[in-house]
Amino acid sequence: MAEIKFDIVETIAILSEGSKGWKKELNLISWNGRDPVYDIRDWSEDHKKMGKGSTYTLHELQVLKDGLLKLANLE
């Protein structure tokens, strides 16, 4: 398996923390030298290990935000 290279450009938010110290984070990340994308996934404390996650363009993140705001207004 090829090595995955990443550069965390900015940590935007820590969404939660598990009992073993892993944190679910929203980060701006460059994967394999590509343009940075927004990324939500679990990370070990030293950021050497990661769980499965999702990546989003700025447009996709804005659409997600709009959907979450609609959801919040329904409660």
N, C-alpha and C. Protein backbone atom coordinates (compact mmCIF):
# COMPACT_ATOMS: atom_id res chain seq x y z
N MET A 1 0.85 -1.18 0.00
CA MET A 1 0.00 0.00 0.00
C MET A 1 0.89 1.24 0.00
N ALA A 2 0.56 2.21 -0.84
CA ALA A 2 1.33 3.44 -0.93
C ALA A 2 1.14 4.29 0.33
N GLU A 3 2.19 4.98 0.70
CA GLU A 3 2.13 5.84 1.88
C GLU A 3 1.28 7.06 1.57
N ILE A 4 0.42 7.42 2.51
CA ILE A 4 -0.42 8.60 2.36
C ILE A 4 0.29 9.76 3.06
N LYS A 5 0.52 10.83 2.31
CA LYS A 5 1.16 12.00 2.89
C LYS A 5 0.09 13.06 3.13
N PHE A 6 0.21 13.73 4.27
CA PHE A 6 -0.76 14.78 4.59
C PHE A 6 -0.09 15.90 5.34
N ASP A 7 -0.67 17.08 5.22
CA ASP A 7 -0.22 18.25 5.95
C ASP A 7 -1.46 18.93 6.52
N ILE A 8 -1.56 18.95 7.85
CA ILE A 8 -2.67 19.65 8.49
C ILE A 8 -2.35 21.14 8.44
N VAL A 9 -3.06 21.84 7.58
CA VAL A 9 -2.85 23.26 7.37
C VAL A 9 -3.41 24.06 8.55
N GLU A 10 -4.60 23.65 9.01
CA GLU A 10 -5.26 24.36 10.11
C GLU A 10 -6.22 23.42 10.83
N THR A 11 -6.17 23.43 12.15
CA THR A 11 -7.18 22.74 12.95
C THR A 11 -8.28 23.75 13.24
N ILE A 12 -9.47 23.46 12.77
CA ILE A 12 -10.58 24.41 12.89
C ILE A 12 -11.39 24.15 14.16
N ALA A 13 -11.66 22.87 14.46
CA ALA A 13 -12.47 22.55 15.65
C ALA A 13 -12.19 21.12 16.09
N ILE A 14 -12.25 20.91 17.39
CA ILE A 14 -12.24 19.57 17.96
C ILE A 14 -13.69 19.27 18.33
N LEU A 15 -14.26 18.27 17.67
CA LEU A 15 -15.69 17.97 17.83
C LEU A 15 -15.96 17.10 19.05
N SER A 16 -15.04 16.17 19.36
CA SER A 16 -15.20 15.31 20.53
C SER A 16 -13.87 14.64 20.83
N GLU A 17 -13.80 14.02 22.02
CA GLU A 17 -12.62 13.29 22.42
C GLU A 17 -13.04 11.96 23.02
N GLY A 18 -12.42 10.88 22.55
CA GLY A 18 -12.73 9.55 23.05
C GLY A 18 -11.96 9.23 24.32
N SER A 19 -12.32 8.13 24.95
CA SER A 19 -11.71 7.75 26.22
C SER A 19 -10.23 7.38 26.07
N LYS A 20 -9.80 7.03 24.86
CA LYS A 20 -8.39 6.66 24.63
C LYS A 20 -7.56 7.83 24.12
N GLY A 21 -8.12 9.04 24.16
CA GLY A 21 -7.37 10.22 23.76
C GLY A 21 -7.50 10.63 22.30
N TRP A 22 -8.15 9.80 21.48
CA TRP A 22 -8.35 10.17 20.08
C TRP A 22 -9.39 11.29 20.01
N LYS A 23 -9.20 12.21 19.08
CA LYS A 23 -10.10 13.34 18.93
C LYS A 23 -10.69 13.37 17.53
N LYS A 24 -11.98 13.65 17.47
CA LYS A 24 -12.63 13.89 16.18
C LYS A 24 -12.45 15.36 15.87
N GLU A 25 -11.79 15.65 14.73
CA GLU A 25 -11.41 17.02 14.42
C GLU A 25 -11.92 17.44 13.04
N LEU A 26 -12.19 18.73 12.92
CA LEU A 26 -12.41 19.36 11.63
C LEU A 26 -11.13 20.11 11.30
N ASN A 27 -10.45 19.67 10.25
CA ASN A 27 -9.18 20.26 9.85
C ASN A 27 -9.21 20.65 8.38
N LEU A 28 -8.32 21.56 8.02
CA LEU A 28 -8.03 21.86 6.64
C LEU A 28 -6.74 21.11 6.32
N ILE A 29 -6.81 20.14 5.39
CA ILE A 29 -5.69 19.23 5.15
C ILE A 29 -5.35 19.15 3.67
N SER A 30 -4.05 19.12 3.40
CA SER A 30 -3.56 18.84 2.05
C SER A 30 -3.16 17.37 2.03
N TRP A 31 -3.80 16.58 1.16
CA TRP A 31 -3.51 15.15 1.01
C TRP A 31 -2.61 14.96 -0.21
N ASN A 32 -1.48 14.32 -0.01
CA ASN A 32 -0.55 13.98 -1.10
C ASN A 32 -0.20 15.19 -1.98
N GLY A 33 -0.01 16.35 -1.35
CA GLY A 33 0.41 17.55 -2.06
C GLY A 33 -0.68 18.27 -2.82
N ARG A 34 -1.91 17.81 -2.71
CA ARG A 34 -3.03 18.46 -3.42
C ARG A 34 -3.51 19.69 -2.67
N ASP A 35 -4.41 20.43 -3.32
CA ASP A 35 -5.02 21.59 -2.66
C ASP A 35 -5.71 21.13 -1.38
N PRO A 36 -5.65 21.95 -0.33
CA PRO A 36 -6.28 21.56 0.94
C PRO A 36 -7.81 21.42 0.82
N VAL A 37 -8.34 20.48 1.58
CA VAL A 37 -9.78 20.25 1.69
C VAL A 37 -10.14 20.19 3.17
N TYR A 38 -11.42 20.39 3.46
CA TYR A 38 -11.89 20.27 4.83
C TYR A 38 -12.12 18.80 5.13
N ASP A 39 -11.76 18.38 6.32
CA ASP A 39 -11.70 16.97 6.65
C ASP A 39 -12.20 16.74 8.07
N ILE A 40 -13.09 15.75 8.24
CA ILE A 40 -13.56 15.36 9.57
C ILE A 40 -13.18 13.90 9.77
N ARG A 41 -12.38 13.63 10.83
CA ARG A 41 -11.99 12.26 11.16
C ARG A 41 -11.39 12.22 12.56
N ASP A 42 -11.23 11.00 13.08
CA ASP A 42 -10.58 10.79 14.37
C ASP A 42 -9.08 10.75 14.19
N TRP A 43 -8.36 11.35 15.14
CA TRP A 43 -6.90 11.39 15.13
C TRP A 43 -6.36 10.97 16.48
N SER A 44 -5.22 10.26 16.45
CA SER A 44 -4.51 9.97 17.69
C SER A 44 -3.91 11.28 18.20
N GLU A 45 -3.46 11.26 19.45
CA GLU A 45 -2.94 12.49 20.06
C GLU A 45 -1.78 13.10 19.27
N ASP A 46 -0.92 12.26 18.71
CA ASP A 46 0.26 12.75 17.99
C ASP A 46 0.03 12.93 16.49
N HIS A 47 -1.19 12.71 16.04
CA HIS A 47 -1.57 12.83 14.62
C HIS A 47 -0.78 11.89 13.71
N LYS A 48 -0.30 10.78 14.26
CA LYS A 48 0.39 9.78 13.43
C LYS A 48 -0.56 8.69 12.96
N LYS A 49 -1.68 8.52 13.65
CA LYS A 49 -2.69 7.53 13.27
C LYS A 49 -4.02 8.26 13.09
N MET A 50 -4.82 7.73 12.15
CA MET A 50 -6.12 8.36 11.88
C MET A 50 -7.16 7.30 11.62
N GLY A 51 -8.40 7.66 11.86
CA GLY A 51 -9.53 6.80 11.53
C GLY A 51 -10.08 7.18 10.17
N LYS A 52 -11.13 6.47 9.78
CA LYS A 52 -11.80 6.82 8.53
C LYS A 52 -12.49 8.16 8.69
N GLY A 53 -12.58 8.89 7.61
CA GLY A 53 -13.20 10.20 7.69
C GLY A 53 -13.82 10.62 6.38
N SER A 54 -14.19 11.89 6.32
CA SER A 54 -14.82 12.48 5.13
C SER A 54 -14.11 13.78 4.80
N THR A 55 -13.99 14.06 3.51
CA THR A 55 -13.42 15.32 3.07
C THR A 55 -14.47 16.12 2.31
N TYR A 56 -14.34 17.44 2.39
CA TYR A 56 -15.32 18.35 1.81
C TYR A 56 -14.63 19.54 1.17
N THR A 57 -15.17 19.99 0.05
CA THR A 57 -14.75 21.27 -0.51
C THR A 57 -15.42 22.37 0.32
N LEU A 58 -14.99 23.61 0.12
CA LEU A 58 -15.62 24.72 0.83
C LEU A 58 -17.11 24.79 0.49
N HIS A 59 -17.45 24.60 -0.78
CA HIS A 59 -18.85 24.63 -1.19
C HIS A 59 -19.66 23.54 -0.47
N GLU A 60 -19.12 22.32 -0.42
CA GLU A 60 -19.83 21.22 0.26
C GLU A 60 -20.00 21.52 1.74
N LEU A 61 -18.99 22.11 2.36
CA LEU A 61 -19.09 22.45 3.77
C LEU A 61 -20.14 23.53 4.01
N GLN A 62 -20.26 24.48 3.08
CA GLN A 62 -21.29 25.53 3.19
C GLN A 62 -22.69 24.93 3.06
N VAL A 63 -22.87 23.98 2.14
CA VAL A 63 -24.16 23.31 1.99
C VAL A 63 -24.49 22.51 3.26
N LEU A 64 -23.50 21.84 3.82
CA LEU A 64 -23.69 21.10 5.07
C LEU A 64 -24.09 22.04 6.19
N LYS A 65 -23.42 23.18 6.29
CA LYS A 65 -23.76 24.19 7.31
C LYS A 65 -25.21 24.64 7.16
N ASP A 66 -25.63 24.92 5.93
CA ASP A 66 -27.01 25.35 5.69
C ASP A 66 -28.00 24.27 6.12
N GLY A 67 -27.68 23.02 5.82
CA GLY A 67 -28.54 21.92 6.23
C GLY A 67 -28.61 21.78 7.74
N LEU A 68 -27.49 21.96 8.42
CA LEU A 68 -27.48 21.87 9.89
C LEU A 68 -28.26 23.03 10.52
N LEU A 69 -28.16 24.20 9.91
CA LEU A 69 -28.95 25.33 10.43
C LEU A 69 -30.44 25.09 10.28
N LYS A 70 -30.86 24.50 9.14
CA LYS A 70 -32.27 24.15 8.95
C LYS A 70 -32.71 23.13 10.00
N LEU A 71 -31.88 22.15 10.25
CA LEU A 71 -32.17 21.12 11.25
C LEU A 71 -32.31 21.74 12.63
N ALA A 72 -31.42 22.67 12.98
CA ALA A 72 -31.45 23.32 14.29
C ALA A 72 -32.73 24.15 14.46
N ASN A 73 -33.23 24.73 13.40
CA ASN A 73 -34.45 25.56 13.48
C ASN A 73 -35.71 24.70 13.61
N LEU A 74 -35.62 23.42 13.27
CA LEU A 74 -36.78 22.53 13.36
C LEU A 74 -37.00 22.02 14.77
N GLU A 75 -35.98 22.07 15.61
CA GLU A 75 -36.09 21.51 16.96
C GLU A 75 -36.85 22.41 17.89
